[in-house]
Structures are given as C-alpha cells and as structure tokens.
C-alpha cells in the first residue's frame, strides 16, 4: 500500500482497519453464543463456558461426591475449568487469526 500523495492511501488504510474491527466485533458476538466444554476425571467434572469466557454450567457426577475427597474435587474442578478455558481461547484465537491474517492486534479484542 502506498502512502502519501493526497492522503488517499491513509483513508483506505483507515477504512480497512474499521472493516476489520467490525468483523472482529461480529465474531466476538458470535463466539459469545457458542459453548465450549472442559472435562476432567474421565468426565467426572464438566465445565461449560461461553465464547466470552463466562462459566455457564458445572456438572459433577454423583460418585465424585460419594468419594468424600474434597481435595480431589477441587483438583478436578480446576482441571476442568482450565481445559474449558484452553478450548475457548484456542477457538477464539483461531477465528480471530482468520480476520487479522494471524497478526496480533492488541486492544482490538
């Protein structure tokens, strides 16, 4: 892209940046409606998270409670949450890279 010569290049660059920002905002809205899961303990604990990183649900199998091991439950919860977060972030990053061409745009999302 050529700069200078009447500012047309700068206007085109700004227009492209605005279009990219609009596409990123739309993607964020779409991701917020999607759900991602993280599990641990072979499915003993499941965390459901939306694309905007909000925990929507927690499922704990009854046998985890009957074991009565508080430390194990805490570990399973942390592991399931971290997995849900990892899956959500990886999906978000992949989708954003399609818009940005893989270039990180700090502050844009």
Protein backbone atom coordinates (compact mmCIF):
# COMPACT_ATOMS: atom_id res chain seq x y z
CA UNK A 1 0.00 0.00 0.00
CA UNK A 2 1.31 3.39 -0.97
CA UNK A 3 1.21 6.31 1.43
CA UNK A 4 1.30 10.00 0.65
CA UNK A 5 0.02 11.76 -2.42
CA UNK A 6 -3.19 13.32 -1.11
CA UNK A 7 -3.94 11.02 1.80
CA UNK A 8 -5.98 8.52 -0.22
CA UNK A 9 -3.79 5.68 0.99
CA UNK A 10 -4.31 6.65 4.61
CA UNK A 11 -8.07 6.81 4.10
CA UNK A 12 -8.02 3.33 2.55
CA UNK A 13 -5.95 2.03 5.47
CA UNK A 14 -8.39 3.53 7.98
CA UNK A 15 -11.34 2.06 6.09
CA UNK A 16 -9.71 -1.39 6.15
CA UNK A 17 -8.99 -1.05 9.88
CA UNK A 18 -12.62 -0.10 10.55
CA UNK A 19 -13.85 -3.05 8.50
CA UNK A 20 -11.54 -5.40 10.38
CA UNK A 21 -12.73 -4.02 13.70
CA UNK A 22 -16.37 -4.52 12.64
CA UNK A 23 -15.66 -8.14 11.62
CA UNK A 24 -13.88 -8.76 14.92
CA UNK A 25 -16.81 -7.34 16.90
CA UNK A 26 -19.25 -9.54 14.97
CA UNK A 27 -17.07 -12.59 15.63
CA UNK A 28 -16.93 -11.79 19.36
CA UNK A 29 -20.73 -11.61 19.42
CA UNK A 30 -20.99 -14.94 17.61
CA UNK A 31 -18.46 -16.61 19.92
CA UNK A 32 -20.37 -15.37 22.97
CA UNK A 33 -23.32 -17.52 21.89
CA UNK A 34 -21.22 -20.67 21.49
CA UNK A 35 -20.46 -23.11 24.28
CA UNK A 36 -17.20 -24.93 24.96
CA UNK A 37 -16.51 -27.73 27.42
CA UNK A 38 -13.68 -28.85 29.58
CA UNK A 39 -13.74 -32.12 31.48
CA UNK A 40 -11.57 -33.90 34.00
CA UNK A 41 -11.52 -37.23 35.75
CA UNK A 42 -12.82 -39.04 32.69
CA UNK A 43 -15.94 -36.87 32.65
CA UNK A 44 -16.41 -36.78 36.41
CA UNK A 45 -16.44 -32.98 36.25
CA UNK A 46 -17.55 -30.92 33.26
CA UNK A 47 -17.37 -27.13 32.90
CA UNK A 48 -19.34 -25.40 30.15
CA UNK A 49 -18.07 -21.97 29.15
CA UNK A 50 -19.31 -19.47 26.58
CA UNK A 51 -17.05 -17.91 23.98
CA UNK A 52 -16.82 -14.75 26.07
CA UNK A 53 -15.27 -16.82 28.90
CA UNK A 54 -18.30 -16.96 31.18
CA UNK A 55 -18.92 -20.22 33.01
CA UNK A 56 -22.40 -21.36 32.05
CA UNK A 57 -22.54 -24.65 33.88
CA UNK A 58 -20.79 -27.12 36.14
CA UNK A 59 -21.66 -30.81 36.17
CA UNK A 60 -20.25 -33.12 38.84
CA UNK A 61 -21.00 -36.83 38.72
CA UNK A 62 -22.55 -38.19 41.95
CA UNK A 63 -19.75 -40.68 42.57
CA UNK A 64 -17.31 -37.76 43.00
CA UNK A 65 -19.37 -36.57 45.96
CA UNK A 66 -19.70 -40.04 47.44
CA UNK A 67 -15.91 -40.38 47.47
CA UNK A 68 -15.89 -37.53 50.00
CA UNK A 69 -12.45 -36.34 48.88
CA UNK A 70 -12.61 -32.53 48.92
CA UNK A 71 -9.06 -32.10 47.59
CA UNK A 72 -9.75 -34.39 44.64
CA UNK A 73 -12.92 -32.46 43.77
CA UNK A 74 -11.06 -29.16 43.91
CA UNK A 75 -8.36 -30.53 41.60
CA UNK A 76 -10.94 -31.90 39.18
CA UNK A 77 -12.75 -28.55 39.13
CA UNK A 78 -9.56 -26.61 38.45
CA UNK A 79 -8.51 -29.01 35.70
CA UNK A 80 -11.93 -28.91 34.00
CA UNK A 81 -12.04 -25.11 34.17
CA UNK A 82 -8.54 -24.78 32.71
CA UNK A 83 -9.44 -27.16 29.90
CA UNK A 84 -12.64 -25.24 29.10
CA UNK A 85 -10.65 -22.00 29.09
CA UNK A 86 -7.96 -23.50 26.83
CA UNK A 87 -10.51 -24.78 24.30
CA UNK A 88 -12.41 -21.48 24.31
CA UNK A 89 -9.25 -19.40 23.90
CA UNK A 90 -7.83 -21.62 21.15
CA UNK A 91 -11.07 -21.39 19.18
CA UNK A 92 -11.26 -17.63 19.67
CA UNK A 93 -7.63 -17.18 18.63
CA UNK A 94 -8.11 -19.33 15.51
CA UNK A 95 -11.19 -17.42 14.43
CA UNK A 96 -9.56 -14.03 15.08
CA UNK A 97 -6.49 -15.08 13.09
CA UNK A 98 -8.75 -15.63 10.08
CA UNK A 99 -9.73 -11.98 10.28
CA UNK A 100 -6.35 -10.48 11.17
CA UNK A 101 -4.24 -12.76 9.00
CA UNK A 102 -2.52 -14.08 12.11
CA UNK A 103 -1.29 -10.66 13.21
CA UNK A 104 -1.89 -9.86 16.88
CA UNK A 105 -3.87 -6.66 17.28
CA UNK A 106 -3.56 -5.67 20.97
CA UNK A 107 -6.54 -3.85 22.37
CA UNK A 108 -8.81 -4.84 19.49
CA UNK A 109 -10.20 -7.96 21.21
